[in-house]
Amino acid sequence: MRQPVQVAVYCARKAGDHWEYLLLRRKPSGGGFWQGVTGGVEGTEEYFSAALRELKEETGFVPLDLRLVDYAYFYPVREQWKIVYERPFDIINEIVFLAIVDPQSEPIIDPDEHDAYLWYRLDDAVKKLFWEDNKISLKHCARMLEEIDRRR
């Protein structure tokens, strides 16, 4: 059974002097919106392990670096999803991660969940994202990457 927690993983790769962010488009039956990698935390799974698993399942990526982002948020559970939890929950906590991937890498997307992917610069990625919390999450990831660049 799932925990009342999700992970959101935003992939970034260096493209010359800037970073690109991977967005995945949900199939129309799943809403047809653009997002990062997302998924539930299973059983006794740790958040970090869930982020790695979801990243691998949805993109095939094994990150060069995976970091917990200093941002998380809550959202209401839709009625049809309450059955996947051991007991009913009304609110889900989403924990955000940043995955740095090889600059030459391309994802192998899971066709059961997504029908397209694109790499975007930050401003364009933020415009494409559907959910406001996703937009805020991506901006937090960008700040982390700016700090990484400053330290180099």
N, C-alpha and C. Protein backbone atom coordinates (compact mmCIF):
# COMPACT_ATOMS: atom_id res chain seq x y z
N MET A 1 0.84 -1.19 0.00
CA MET A 1 0.00 0.00 0.00
C MET A 1 0.88 1.25 0.00
N ARG A 2 0.33 2.30 -0.50
CA ARG A 2 1.07 3.56 -0.60
C ARG A 2 0.98 4.36 0.69
N GLN A 3 2.03 5.13 0.92
CA GLN A 3 2.03 6.11 1.98
C GLN A 3 1.30 7.36 1.47
N PRO A 4 0.83 8.23 2.36
CA PRO A 4 0.18 9.47 1.90
C PRO A 4 1.23 10.53 1.53
N VAL A 5 2.20 10.09 0.73
CA VAL A 5 3.32 10.94 0.32
C VAL A 5 3.62 10.64 -1.14
N GLN A 6 3.92 11.68 -1.89
CA GLN A 6 4.38 11.56 -3.27
C GLN A 6 5.76 12.20 -3.36
N VAL A 7 6.49 11.81 -4.39
CA VAL A 7 7.74 12.50 -4.71
C VAL A 7 7.55 13.18 -6.07
N ALA A 8 8.18 14.32 -6.20
CA ALA A 8 8.26 15.03 -7.48
C ALA A 8 9.74 15.20 -7.75
N VAL A 9 10.19 14.72 -8.90
CA VAL A 9 11.60 14.78 -9.26
C VAL A 9 11.74 15.61 -10.53
N TYR A 10 12.54 16.66 -10.46
CA TYR A 10 12.79 17.51 -11.63
C TYR A 10 14.19 17.21 -12.13
N CYS A 11 14.27 16.79 -13.39
CA CYS A 11 15.55 16.46 -14.02
C CYS A 11 16.13 17.71 -14.66
N ALA A 12 17.43 17.87 -14.50
CA ALA A 12 18.13 18.99 -15.12
C ALA A 12 19.41 18.47 -15.77
N ARG A 13 19.76 19.08 -16.88
CA ARG A 13 21.03 18.76 -17.53
C ARG A 13 21.66 20.07 -18.00
N LYS A 14 22.98 20.10 -17.99
CA LYS A 14 23.71 21.29 -18.41
C LYS A 14 23.74 21.33 -19.94
N ALA A 15 23.41 22.50 -20.48
CA ALA A 15 23.42 22.71 -21.93
C ALA A 15 24.21 23.98 -22.20
N GLY A 16 25.50 23.85 -22.37
CA GLY A 16 26.34 25.03 -22.55
C GLY A 16 26.43 25.80 -21.26
N ASP A 17 25.98 27.06 -21.29
CA ASP A 17 26.07 27.91 -20.11
C ASP A 17 24.78 27.96 -19.30
N HIS A 18 23.81 27.13 -19.65
CA HIS A 18 22.53 27.15 -18.93
C HIS A 18 22.08 25.72 -18.62
N TRP A 19 21.03 25.63 -17.84
CA TRP A 19 20.43 24.35 -17.48
C TRP A 19 19.13 24.16 -18.26
N GLU A 20 18.87 22.93 -18.62
CA GLU A 20 17.60 22.55 -19.22
C GLU A 20 16.87 21.62 -18.26
N TYR A 21 15.54 21.73 -18.28
CA TYR A 21 14.70 20.95 -17.38
C TYR A 21 13.78 20.05 -18.20
N LEU A 22 13.68 18.81 -17.79
CA LEU A 22 12.85 17.85 -18.48
C LEU A 22 11.40 17.94 -17.99
N LEU A 23 10.49 18.06 -18.92
CA LEU A 23 9.07 17.98 -18.60
C LEU A 23 8.46 16.83 -19.38
N LEU A 24 7.54 16.15 -18.73
CA LEU A 24 6.82 15.02 -19.32
C LEU A 24 5.36 15.41 -19.47
N ARG A 25 4.75 15.02 -20.59
CA ARG A 25 3.33 15.32 -20.78
C ARG A 25 2.51 14.07 -20.45
N ARG A 26 1.61 14.23 -19.51
CA ARG A 26 0.68 13.15 -19.16
C ARG A 26 -0.17 12.79 -20.37
N LYS A 27 -0.47 11.53 -20.51
CA LYS A 27 -1.40 11.11 -21.56
C LYS A 27 -2.73 11.84 -21.36
N PRO A 28 -3.50 12.03 -22.42
CA PRO A 28 -4.79 12.71 -22.28
C PRO A 28 -5.68 12.08 -21.20
N SER A 29 -5.66 10.77 -21.08
CA SER A 29 -6.48 10.10 -20.07
C SER A 29 -6.02 10.44 -18.65
N GLY A 30 -4.77 10.93 -18.51
CA GLY A 30 -4.24 11.34 -17.21
C GLY A 30 -4.26 12.85 -17.01
N GLY A 31 -4.85 13.58 -17.94
CA GLY A 31 -4.96 15.03 -17.79
C GLY A 31 -4.29 15.82 -18.89
N GLY A 32 -3.31 15.23 -19.60
CA GLY A 32 -2.67 15.91 -20.72
C GLY A 32 -1.81 17.11 -20.35
N PHE A 33 -1.44 17.24 -19.08
CA PHE A 33 -0.63 18.40 -18.66
C PHE A 33 0.84 18.02 -18.54
N TRP A 34 1.68 19.06 -18.49
CA TRP A 34 3.13 18.89 -18.38
C TRP A 34 3.53 18.90 -16.90
N GLN A 35 4.51 18.06 -16.57
CA GLN A 35 4.98 17.93 -15.19
C GLN A 35 6.38 17.33 -15.18
N GLY A 36 6.95 17.25 -13.99
CA GLY A 36 8.18 16.49 -13.80
C GLY A 36 7.81 15.05 -13.53
N VAL A 37 8.77 14.29 -13.06
CA VAL A 37 8.53 12.91 -12.66
C VAL A 37 7.79 12.94 -11.32
N THR A 38 6.72 12.16 -11.21
CA THR A 38 5.99 12.10 -9.95
C THR A 38 5.58 10.66 -9.65
N GLY A 39 5.39 10.38 -8.39
CA GLY A 39 4.91 9.05 -8.03
C GLY A 39 4.79 8.87 -6.54
N GLY A 40 4.10 7.82 -6.17
CA GLY A 40 3.84 7.54 -4.77
C GLY A 40 4.98 6.83 -4.07
N VAL A 41 5.03 7.00 -2.77
CA VAL A 41 5.98 6.31 -1.91
C VAL A 41 5.29 5.02 -1.46
N GLU A 42 5.92 3.89 -1.72
CA GLU A 42 5.32 2.59 -1.46
C GLU A 42 5.71 2.03 -0.09
N GLY A 43 4.75 1.42 0.60
CA GLY A 43 5.02 0.68 1.84
C GLY A 43 5.95 1.39 2.79
N THR A 44 7.09 0.75 3.08
CA THR A 44 8.08 1.31 4.01
C THR A 44 9.23 2.01 3.28
N GLU A 45 9.05 2.26 2.00
CA GLU A 45 10.07 2.89 1.17
C GLU A 45 10.45 4.27 1.70
N GLU A 46 11.73 4.59 1.65
CA GLU A 46 12.22 5.92 2.02
C GLU A 46 11.98 6.87 0.84
N TYR A 47 11.85 8.16 1.14
CA TYR A 47 11.57 9.15 0.10
C TYR A 47 12.64 9.16 -0.99
N PHE A 48 13.90 9.11 -0.59
CA PHE A 48 15.00 9.13 -1.55
C PHE A 48 14.91 7.91 -2.47
N SER A 49 14.63 6.75 -1.91
CA SER A 49 14.51 5.52 -2.70
C SER A 49 13.33 5.62 -3.66
N ALA A 50 12.23 6.21 -3.20
CA ALA A 50 11.06 6.39 -4.06
C ALA A 50 11.39 7.32 -5.23
N ALA A 51 12.15 8.37 -4.95
CA ALA A 51 12.54 9.31 -6.01
C ALA A 51 13.40 8.60 -7.06
N LEU A 52 14.36 7.80 -6.61
CA LEU A 52 15.20 7.05 -7.55
C LEU A 52 14.38 6.06 -8.37
N ARG A 53 13.48 5.35 -7.71
CA ARG A 53 12.65 4.36 -8.39
C ARG A 53 11.75 5.03 -9.43
N GLU A 54 11.06 6.09 -9.04
CA GLU A 54 10.16 6.77 -9.97
C GLU A 54 10.93 7.35 -11.15
N LEU A 55 12.10 7.91 -10.89
CA LEU A 55 12.93 8.46 -11.96
C LEU A 55 13.30 7.37 -12.96
N LYS A 56 13.70 6.22 -12.46
CA LYS A 56 14.08 5.09 -13.33
C LYS A 56 12.86 4.58 -14.11
N GLU A 57 11.71 4.44 -13.42
CA GLU A 57 10.51 3.91 -14.08
C GLU A 57 9.99 4.84 -15.17
N GLU A 58 10.00 6.13 -14.91
CA GLU A 58 9.37 7.08 -15.84
C GLU A 58 10.30 7.63 -16.91
N THR A 59 11.62 7.53 -16.69
CA THR A 59 12.56 8.09 -17.68
C THR A 59 13.70 7.16 -18.05
N GLY A 60 13.95 6.14 -17.25
CA GLY A 60 15.12 5.29 -17.46
C GLY A 60 16.40 5.88 -16.90
N PHE A 61 16.35 7.08 -16.35
CA PHE A 61 17.54 7.77 -15.85
C PHE A 61 18.04 7.20 -14.52
N VAL A 62 19.35 7.14 -14.43
CA VAL A 62 20.05 6.99 -13.15
C VAL A 62 20.80 8.31 -13.01
N PRO A 63 20.47 9.13 -12.03
CA PRO A 63 21.04 10.48 -11.97
C PRO A 63 22.52 10.51 -11.60
N LEU A 64 23.20 11.54 -12.07
CA LEU A 64 24.57 11.80 -11.62
C LEU A 64 24.54 12.28 -10.18
N ASP A 65 23.47 12.99 -9.82
CA ASP A 65 23.29 13.54 -8.48
C ASP A 65 21.79 13.67 -8.23
N LEU A 66 21.38 13.31 -7.02
CA LEU A 66 19.98 13.46 -6.63
C LEU A 66 19.95 14.17 -5.29
N ARG A 67 19.23 15.28 -5.24
CA ARG A 67 19.19 16.11 -4.03
C ARG A 67 17.77 16.40 -3.60
N LEU A 68 17.59 16.40 -2.30
CA LEU A 68 16.32 16.82 -1.72
C LEU A 68 16.25 18.34 -1.81
N VAL A 69 15.14 18.86 -2.29
CA VAL A 69 14.94 20.30 -2.44
C VAL A 69 14.26 20.81 -1.18
N ASP A 70 14.62 22.01 -0.78
CA ASP A 70 14.05 22.60 0.43
C ASP A 70 12.68 23.20 0.13
N TYR A 71 11.79 22.34 -0.35
CA TYR A 71 10.42 22.76 -0.64
C TYR A 71 9.55 21.51 -0.73
N ALA A 72 8.42 21.55 -0.09
CA ALA A 72 7.42 20.49 -0.17
C ALA A 72 6.06 21.16 -0.05
N TYR A 73 5.02 20.47 -0.43
CA TYR A 73 3.68 21.04 -0.37
C TYR A 73 2.65 19.94 -0.18
N PHE A 74 1.42 20.34 0.05
CA PHE A 74 0.31 19.42 0.27
C PHE A 74 -0.77 19.69 -0.77
N TYR A 75 -1.52 18.64 -1.11
CA TYR A 75 -2.67 18.82 -1.99
C TYR A 75 -3.73 17.78 -1.64
N PRO A 76 -4.99 18.06 -1.97
CA PRO A 76 -6.07 17.12 -1.63
C PRO A 76 -6.05 15.88 -2.52
N VAL A 77 -6.45 14.76 -1.94
CA VAL A 77 -6.53 13.50 -2.67
C VAL A 77 -7.89 13.42 -3.36
N ARG A 78 -7.87 13.11 -4.64
CA ARG A 78 -9.13 12.92 -5.35
C ARG A 78 -9.78 11.62 -4.86
N GLU A 79 -11.05 11.62 -4.83
CA GLU A 79 -11.82 10.49 -4.29
C GLU A 79 -11.41 9.15 -4.92
N GLN A 80 -11.22 9.10 -6.23
CA GLN A 80 -10.92 7.84 -6.91
C GLN A 80 -9.55 7.26 -6.53
N TRP A 81 -8.67 8.10 -5.95
CA TRP A 81 -7.34 7.62 -5.58
C TRP A 81 -7.25 7.16 -4.13
N LYS A 82 -8.27 7.40 -3.34
CA LYS A 82 -8.22 7.05 -1.92
C LYS A 82 -8.10 5.54 -1.70
N ILE A 83 -8.51 4.73 -2.67
CA ILE A 83 -8.46 3.27 -2.52
C ILE A 83 -7.04 2.70 -2.54
N VAL A 84 -6.06 3.45 -3.02
CA VAL A 84 -4.69 2.92 -3.08
C VAL A 84 -3.95 3.06 -1.76
N TYR A 85 -4.58 3.67 -0.77
CA TYR A 85 -3.95 3.86 0.53
C TYR A 85 -4.52 2.89 1.55
N GLU A 86 -3.67 2.51 2.49
CA GLU A 86 -4.07 1.57 3.53
C GLU A 86 -5.29 2.06 4.31
N ARG A 87 -5.30 3.33 4.58
CA ARG A 87 -6.48 3.95 5.19
C ARG A 87 -6.73 5.25 4.44
N PRO A 88 -7.95 5.76 4.46
CA PRO A 88 -8.24 6.96 3.67
C PRO A 88 -7.51 8.20 4.17
N PHE A 89 -6.97 8.93 3.23
CA PHE A 89 -6.31 10.20 3.51
C PHE A 89 -6.96 11.27 2.65
N ASP A 90 -7.02 12.47 3.18
CA ASP A 90 -7.60 13.58 2.42
C ASP A 90 -6.53 14.48 1.82
N ILE A 91 -5.32 14.43 2.40
CA ILE A 91 -4.23 15.32 1.99
C ILE A 91 -2.97 14.48 1.73
N ILE A 92 -2.27 14.83 0.67
CA ILE A 92 -1.00 14.17 0.31
C ILE A 92 0.12 15.20 0.41
N ASN A 93 1.23 14.76 0.94
CA ASN A 93 2.43 15.59 1.02
C ASN A 93 3.30 15.23 -0.18
N GLU A 94 3.77 16.23 -0.93
CA GLU A 94 4.66 15.97 -2.06
C GLU A 94 6.04 16.52 -1.73
N ILE A 95 7.03 15.63 -1.77
CA ILE A 95 8.42 15.94 -1.44
C ILE A 95 9.16 16.15 -2.77
N VAL A 96 9.93 17.21 -2.88
CA VAL A 96 10.56 17.59 -4.14
C VAL A 96 12.06 17.23 -4.16
N PHE A 97 12.49 16.69 -5.29
CA PHE A 97 13.89 16.33 -5.52
C PHE A 97 14.37 16.94 -6.83
N LEU A 98 15.67 17.16 -6.89
CA LEU A 98 16.35 17.60 -8.11
C LEU A 98 17.29 16.49 -8.54
N ALA A 99 17.17 16.05 -9.79
CA ALA A 99 18.05 15.02 -10.35
C ALA A 99 18.88 15.66 -11.45
N ILE A 100 20.18 15.64 -11.29
CA ILE A 100 21.09 16.11 -12.34
C ILE A 100 21.46 14.89 -13.17
N VAL A 101 21.22 14.99 -14.48
CA VAL A 101 21.47 13.87 -15.38
C VAL A 101 22.54 14.23 -16.40
N ASP A 102 23.06 13.23 -17.05
CA ASP A 102 24.09 13.40 -18.06
C ASP A 102 23.60 14.36 -19.14
N PRO A 103 24.43 15.33 -19.54
CA PRO A 103 24.00 16.32 -20.55
C PRO A 103 23.59 15.72 -21.90
N GLN A 104 24.10 14.53 -22.21
CA GLN A 104 23.77 13.90 -23.49
C GLN A 104 22.57 12.96 -23.40
N SER A 105 22.00 12.83 -22.23
CA SER A 105 20.96 11.82 -22.02
C SER A 105 19.60 12.25 -22.54
N GLU A 106 18.84 11.27 -22.96
CA GLU A 106 17.45 11.45 -23.35
C GLU A 106 16.64 10.39 -22.60
N PRO A 107 15.46 10.76 -22.16
CA PRO A 107 14.66 9.79 -21.40
C PRO A 107 14.00 8.74 -22.29
N ILE A 108 13.69 7.63 -21.69
CA ILE A 108 12.83 6.63 -22.29
C ILE A 108 11.56 6.69 -21.45
N ILE A 109 10.54 7.35 -21.97
CA ILE A 109 9.35 7.60 -21.15
C ILE A 109 8.44 6.37 -21.09
N ASP A 110 7.72 6.28 -19.99
CA ASP A 110 6.76 5.21 -19.77
C ASP A 110 5.48 5.55 -20.54
N PRO A 111 5.17 4.81 -21.60
CA PRO A 111 4.00 5.15 -22.42
C PRO A 111 2.67 4.94 -21.71
N ASP A 112 2.68 4.26 -20.57
CA ASP A 112 1.44 4.11 -19.80
C ASP A 112 1.08 5.40 -19.08
N GLU A 113 2.07 6.28 -18.89
CA GLU A 113 1.82 7.52 -18.14
C GLU A 113 1.98 8.79 -18.98
N HIS A 114 2.96 8.78 -19.90
CA HIS A 114 3.29 10.00 -20.64
C HIS A 114 3.34 9.73 -22.14
N ASP A 115 3.06 10.78 -22.92
CA ASP A 115 3.11 10.61 -24.37
C ASP A 115 4.12 11.52 -25.06
N ALA A 116 4.81 12.36 -24.29
CA ALA A 116 5.82 13.25 -24.88
C ALA A 116 6.73 13.78 -23.79
N TYR A 117 7.91 14.22 -24.22
CA TYR A 117 8.83 14.91 -23.31
C TYR A 117 9.53 16.01 -24.09
N LEU A 118 9.96 17.03 -23.38
CA LEU A 118 10.77 18.10 -23.96
C LEU A 118 11.69 18.65 -22.89
N TRP A 119 12.82 19.17 -23.32
CA TRP A 119 13.75 19.87 -22.43
C TRP A 119 13.53 21.37 -22.62
N TYR A 120 13.43 22.10 -21.53
CA TYR A 120 13.17 23.54 -21.58
C TYR A 120 14.14 24.30 -20.70
N ARG A 121 14.42 25.54 -21.09
CA ARG A 121 15.06 26.48 -20.18
C ARG A 121 14.05 26.81 -19.09
N LEU A 122 14.51 27.37 -17.99
CA LEU A 122 13.67 27.59 -16.83
C LEU A 122 12.38 28.36 -17.14
N ASP A 123 12.49 29.53 -17.76
CA ASP A 123 11.30 30.35 -17.99
C ASP A 123 10.24 29.62 -18.82
N ASP A 124 10.68 28.93 -19.85
CA ASP A 124 9.74 28.19 -20.69
C ASP A 124 9.15 27.00 -19.94
N ALA A 125 9.96 26.33 -19.13
CA ALA A 125 9.47 25.20 -18.36
C ALA A 125 8.40 25.64 -17.37
N VAL A 126 8.65 26.74 -16.69
CA VAL A 126 7.68 27.25 -15.71
C VAL A 126 6.35 27.56 -16.40
N LYS A 127 6.42 28.14 -17.59
CA LYS A 127 5.19 28.46 -18.34
C LYS A 127 4.41 27.21 -18.73
N LYS A 128 5.12 26.12 -19.01
CA LYS A 128 4.48 24.88 -19.45
C LYS A 128 3.81 24.12 -18.31
N LEU A 129 4.36 24.25 -17.10
CA LEU A 129 3.82 23.49 -15.97
C LEU A 129 2.39 23.93 -15.66
N PHE A 130 1.58 22.98 -15.30
CA PHE A 130 0.15 23.23 -15.06
C PHE A 130 -0.13 23.66 -13.63
N TRP A 131 0.46 22.97 -12.67
CA TRP A 131 0.18 23.20 -11.25
C TRP A 131 1.10 24.26 -10.68
N GLU A 132 0.56 25.18 -9.91
CA GLU A 132 1.35 26.27 -9.31
C GLU A 132 2.47 25.74 -8.41
N ASP A 133 2.18 24.71 -7.62
CA ASP A 133 3.22 24.15 -6.76
C ASP A 133 4.37 23.56 -7.57
N ASN A 134 4.07 23.02 -8.76
CA ASN A 134 5.13 22.53 -9.64
C ASN A 134 6.02 23.66 -10.11
N LYS A 135 5.41 24.79 -10.43
CA LYS A 135 6.17 25.97 -10.87
C LYS A 135 7.11 26.46 -9.76
N ILE A 136 6.57 26.52 -8.56
CA ILE A 136 7.39 26.94 -7.41
C ILE A 136 8.51 25.94 -7.17
N SER A 137 8.20 24.66 -7.27
CA SER A 137 9.20 23.60 -7.06
C SER A 137 10.36 23.75 -8.04
N LEU A 138 10.03 23.97 -9.31
CA LEU A 138 11.06 24.08 -10.33
C LEU A 138 11.95 25.30 -10.07
N LYS A 139 11.36 26.40 -9.62
CA LYS A 139 12.16 27.59 -9.29
C LYS A 139 13.11 27.30 -8.13
N HIS A 140 12.68 26.51 -7.17
CA HIS A 140 13.57 26.10 -6.07
C HIS A 140 14.72 25.25 -6.62
N CYS A 141 14.42 24.37 -7.55
CA CYS A 141 15.48 23.57 -8.18
C CYS A 141 16.48 24.47 -8.89
N ALA A 142 15.99 25.45 -9.60
CA ALA A 142 16.87 26.38 -10.32
C ALA A 142 17.79 27.12 -9.36
N ARG A 143 17.27 27.52 -8.22
CA ARG A 143 18.12 28.20 -7.23
C ARG A 143 19.21 27.27 -6.71
N MET A 144 18.87 26.00 -6.52
CA MET A 144 19.89 25.03 -6.11
C MET A 144 20.99 24.91 -7.16
N LEU A 145 20.59 24.88 -8.42
CA LEU A 145 21.58 24.76 -9.50
C LEU A 145 22.44 26.02 -9.61
N GLU A 146 21.85 27.18 -9.37
CA GLU A 146 22.64 28.42 -9.36
C GLU A 146 23.70 28.35 -8.28
N GLU A 147 23.33 27.83 -7.12
CA GLU A 147 24.29 27.69 -6.02
C GLU A 147 25.39 26.69 -6.39
N ILE A 148 25.03 25.61 -7.02
CA ILE A 148 26.04 24.63 -7.49
C ILE A 148 27.00 25.30 -8.46
N ASP A 149 26.46 26.06 -9.42
CA ASP A 149 27.31 26.76 -10.40
C ASP A 149 28.24 27.76 -9.73
N ARG A 150 27.76 28.48 -8.72
CA ARG A 150 28.59 29.46 -8.02
C ARG A 150 29.76 28.78 -7.30
N ARG A 151 29.56 27.61 -6.81
CA ARG A 151 30.61 26.89 -6.06
C ARG A 151 31.68 26.31 -6.96
N ARG A 152 31.38 26.20 -8.25
CA ARG A 152 32.36 25.58 -9.18
C ARG A 152 33.39 26.57 -9.63
